[in-house]
Amino acid sequence: GLKKWVEVGNSGVFRPELLLPMGLPENVSVIAWGLSLERPTMIKYGINNIRELVGHRVNLQMVYDSPLCRLDV
């Protein structure tokens, strides 16, 4: 329905400085992946900046007013 490609899954490699505090040796590489539900949520609610969805710029009134689970979508 959007008539454009939307990334839903994402992946990456943890940076070494993030692994050292966890006690992992410097020569260890760790990959990660997830669903990245932020993008479809941003599209649904017309949010252009991810910082408005997560982080210090979140509109808490939107959080209070939005249902936790929608079954009518």
N, C-alpha and C. Protein backbone atom coordinates (compact mmCIF):
# COMPACT_ATOMS: atom_id res chain seq x y z
N GLY A 1 0.78 -1.19 0.00
CA GLY A 1 0.00 0.00 0.00
C GLY A 1 0.84 1.28 0.00
N LEU A 2 2.10 1.19 0.41
CA LEU A 2 2.95 2.38 0.47
C LEU A 2 3.57 2.71 -0.88
N LYS A 3 3.58 1.74 -1.79
CA LYS A 3 4.18 1.88 -3.11
C LYS A 3 5.66 2.26 -3.03
N LYS A 4 6.35 1.73 -2.01
CA LYS A 4 7.79 1.90 -1.88
C LYS A 4 8.32 0.78 -0.99
N TRP A 5 9.62 0.54 -1.05
CA TRP A 5 10.26 -0.48 -0.23
C TRP A 5 10.40 0.05 1.19
N VAL A 6 10.13 -0.81 2.18
CA VAL A 6 10.29 -0.46 3.59
C VAL A 6 11.11 -1.55 4.26
N GLU A 7 12.19 -1.15 4.92
CA GLU A 7 13.01 -2.12 5.64
C GLU A 7 12.30 -2.50 6.93
N VAL A 8 12.06 -3.80 7.10
CA VAL A 8 11.40 -4.27 8.31
C VAL A 8 12.40 -4.99 9.21
N GLY A 9 13.32 -5.73 8.65
CA GLY A 9 14.35 -6.41 9.44
C GLY A 9 15.66 -5.68 9.29
N ASN A 10 16.46 -5.71 10.31
CA ASN A 10 17.78 -5.09 10.20
C ASN A 10 18.81 -5.95 10.90
N SER A 11 20.07 -5.67 10.67
CA SER A 11 21.13 -6.45 11.30
C SER A 11 22.39 -5.60 11.36
N GLY A 12 23.37 -6.09 12.08
CA GLY A 12 24.63 -5.37 12.18
C GLY A 12 25.62 -6.11 13.04
N VAL A 13 26.80 -5.52 13.17
CA VAL A 13 27.88 -6.08 13.98
C VAL A 13 28.10 -5.14 15.15
N PHE A 14 28.17 -5.69 16.36
CA PHE A 14 28.45 -4.88 17.54
C PHE A 14 29.85 -4.30 17.44
N ARG A 15 29.99 -3.06 17.82
CA ARG A 15 31.29 -2.43 17.83
C ARG A 15 32.09 -2.95 19.03
N PRO A 16 33.43 -3.10 18.87
CA PRO A 16 34.25 -3.69 19.94
C PRO A 16 34.11 -2.99 21.29
N GLU A 17 33.98 -1.66 21.31
CA GLU A 17 33.90 -0.97 22.60
C GLU A 17 32.61 -1.28 23.36
N LEU A 18 31.60 -1.82 22.67
CA LEU A 18 30.38 -2.24 23.35
C LEU A 18 30.51 -3.63 23.94
N LEU A 19 31.42 -4.42 23.40
CA LEU A 19 31.59 -5.79 23.88
C LEU A 19 32.56 -5.89 25.05
N LEU A 20 33.54 -5.01 25.12
CA LEU A 20 34.55 -5.07 26.19
C LEU A 20 33.95 -4.99 27.58
N PRO A 21 32.98 -4.08 27.85
CA PRO A 21 32.38 -4.03 29.20
C PRO A 21 31.64 -5.31 29.57
N MET A 22 31.27 -6.12 28.57
CA MET A 22 30.60 -7.38 28.84
C MET A 22 31.58 -8.49 29.17
N GLY A 23 32.87 -8.17 29.12
CA GLY A 23 33.88 -9.16 29.46
C GLY A 23 34.30 -10.04 28.30
N LEU A 24 33.91 -9.70 27.08
CA LEU A 24 34.29 -10.49 25.92
C LEU A 24 35.67 -10.06 25.43
N PRO A 25 36.49 -11.01 24.95
CA PRO A 25 37.81 -10.66 24.44
C PRO A 25 37.73 -9.75 23.21
N GLU A 26 38.80 -9.01 22.94
CA GLU A 26 38.82 -8.06 21.82
C GLU A 26 38.66 -8.73 20.46
N ASN A 27 39.05 -10.00 20.35
CA ASN A 27 39.00 -10.67 19.05
C ASN A 27 37.65 -11.34 18.77
N VAL A 28 36.65 -11.08 19.59
CA VAL A 28 35.33 -11.69 19.41
C VAL A 28 34.45 -10.73 18.61
N SER A 29 33.75 -11.26 17.60
CA SER A 29 32.77 -10.49 16.84
C SER A 29 31.38 -11.01 17.17
N VAL A 30 30.44 -10.09 17.30
CA VAL A 30 29.06 -10.46 17.61
C VAL A 30 28.15 -9.78 16.60
N ILE A 31 27.24 -10.56 16.02
CA ILE A 31 26.26 -9.99 15.10
C ILE A 31 24.90 -9.94 15.81
N ALA A 32 24.04 -9.07 15.32
CA ALA A 32 22.71 -8.94 15.91
C ALA A 32 21.71 -8.65 14.80
N TRP A 33 20.47 -9.02 15.03
CA TRP A 33 19.41 -8.71 14.08
C TRP A 33 18.10 -8.60 14.85
N GLY A 34 17.14 -7.95 14.24
CA GLY A 34 15.85 -7.77 14.90
C GLY A 34 14.77 -7.43 13.89
N LEU A 35 13.56 -7.21 14.37
CA LEU A 35 12.43 -6.94 13.48
C LEU A 35 12.34 -5.49 13.05
N SER A 36 12.89 -4.59 13.82
CA SER A 36 12.86 -3.16 13.49
C SER A 36 11.43 -2.68 13.26
N LEU A 37 10.61 -2.84 14.26
CA LEU A 37 9.21 -2.43 14.14
C LEU A 37 9.04 -0.92 14.22
N GLU A 38 10.14 -0.18 14.44
CA GLU A 38 10.05 1.27 14.50
C GLU A 38 9.59 1.86 13.17
N ARG A 39 10.11 1.36 12.06
CA ARG A 39 9.79 1.95 10.76
C ARG A 39 8.31 1.83 10.40
N PRO A 40 7.72 0.63 10.49
CA PRO A 40 6.28 0.56 10.20
C PRO A 40 5.44 1.40 11.16
N THR A 41 5.86 1.48 12.43
CA THR A 41 5.14 2.30 13.40
C THR A 41 5.22 3.77 13.02
N MET A 42 6.41 4.22 12.59
CA MET A 42 6.57 5.61 12.17
C MET A 42 5.69 5.92 10.97
N ILE A 43 5.60 4.99 10.03
CA ILE A 43 4.75 5.20 8.85
C ILE A 43 3.28 5.27 9.27
N LYS A 44 2.86 4.34 10.13
CA LYS A 44 1.46 4.30 10.55
C LYS A 44 1.02 5.58 11.24
N TYR A 45 1.89 6.14 12.10
CA TYR A 45 1.53 7.32 12.88
C TYR A 45 2.06 8.62 12.29
N GLY A 46 2.65 8.56 11.09
CA GLY A 46 3.12 9.76 10.43
C GLY A 46 4.28 10.44 11.13
N ILE A 47 5.16 9.66 11.75
CA ILE A 47 6.31 10.20 12.46
C ILE A 47 7.51 10.19 11.51
N ASN A 48 8.16 11.33 11.33
CA ASN A 48 9.27 11.44 10.39
C ASN A 48 10.63 11.28 11.04
N ASN A 49 10.74 11.50 12.34
CA ASN A 49 12.02 11.47 13.03
C ASN A 49 11.96 10.40 14.11
N ILE A 50 12.85 9.41 14.05
CA ILE A 50 12.80 8.30 15.01
C ILE A 50 12.95 8.77 16.44
N ARG A 51 13.59 9.93 16.64
CA ARG A 51 13.75 10.46 18.01
C ARG A 51 12.41 10.86 18.62
N GLU A 52 11.39 11.04 17.78
CA GLU A 52 10.06 11.33 18.31
C GLU A 52 9.36 10.06 18.77
N LEU A 53 9.86 8.91 18.36
CA LEU A 53 9.28 7.62 18.74
C LEU A 53 10.02 7.02 19.93
N VAL A 54 11.33 7.13 19.96
CA VAL A 54 12.16 6.62 21.06
C VAL A 54 13.12 7.72 21.47
N GLY A 55 13.41 7.81 22.73
CA GLY A 55 14.36 8.81 23.19
C GLY A 55 13.69 9.93 23.97
N HIS A 56 14.45 10.99 24.17
CA HIS A 56 13.99 12.06 25.04
C HIS A 56 12.92 12.95 24.41
N ARG A 57 12.69 12.82 23.11
CA ARG A 57 11.69 13.67 22.45
C ARG A 57 10.33 12.98 22.31
N VAL A 58 10.12 11.87 22.97
CA VAL A 58 8.86 11.14 22.85
C VAL A 58 7.72 11.97 23.44
N ASN A 59 6.64 12.06 22.68
CA ASN A 59 5.43 12.74 23.14
C ASN A 59 4.69 11.76 24.04
N LEU A 60 4.82 11.93 25.35
CA LEU A 60 4.23 10.98 26.29
C LEU A 60 2.72 10.94 26.19
N GLN A 61 2.08 12.04 25.78
CA GLN A 61 0.63 12.02 25.64
C GLN A 61 0.21 11.04 24.55
N MET A 62 1.01 10.94 23.46
CA MET A 62 0.73 9.96 22.41
C MET A 62 0.84 8.54 22.98
N VAL A 63 1.80 8.32 23.85
CA VAL A 63 1.97 7.00 24.46
C VAL A 63 0.76 6.67 25.33
N TYR A 64 0.31 7.64 26.12
CA TYR A 64 -0.84 7.41 26.99
C TYR A 64 -2.12 7.18 26.20
N ASP A 65 -2.28 7.89 25.09
CA ASP A 65 -3.51 7.83 24.31
C ASP A 65 -3.58 6.65 23.35
N SER A 66 -2.42 6.05 23.00
CA SER A 66 -2.39 4.96 22.01
C SER A 66 -2.55 3.62 22.72
N PRO A 67 -3.36 2.75 22.15
CA PRO A 67 -3.54 1.43 22.75
C PRO A 67 -2.26 0.61 22.66
N LEU A 68 -2.06 -0.25 23.63
CA LEU A 68 -0.89 -1.11 23.64
C LEU A 68 -0.98 -2.17 22.54
N CYS A 69 -2.18 -2.65 22.30
CA CYS A 69 -2.40 -3.69 21.28
C CYS A 69 -3.63 -3.33 20.47
N ARG A 70 -3.47 -3.37 19.15
CA ARG A 70 -4.61 -3.07 18.27
C ARG A 70 -4.98 -4.34 17.51
N LEU A 71 -6.22 -4.72 17.59
CA LEU A 71 -6.69 -5.90 16.88
C LEU A 71 -7.49 -5.54 15.64
N ASP A 72 -7.75 -4.24 15.42
CA ASP A 72 -8.57 -3.82 14.31
C ASP A 72 -7.77 -3.43 13.08
N VAL A 73 -6.47 -3.63 13.07
CA VAL A 73 -5.62 -3.21 11.95
C VAL A 73 -5.54 -4.31 10.93
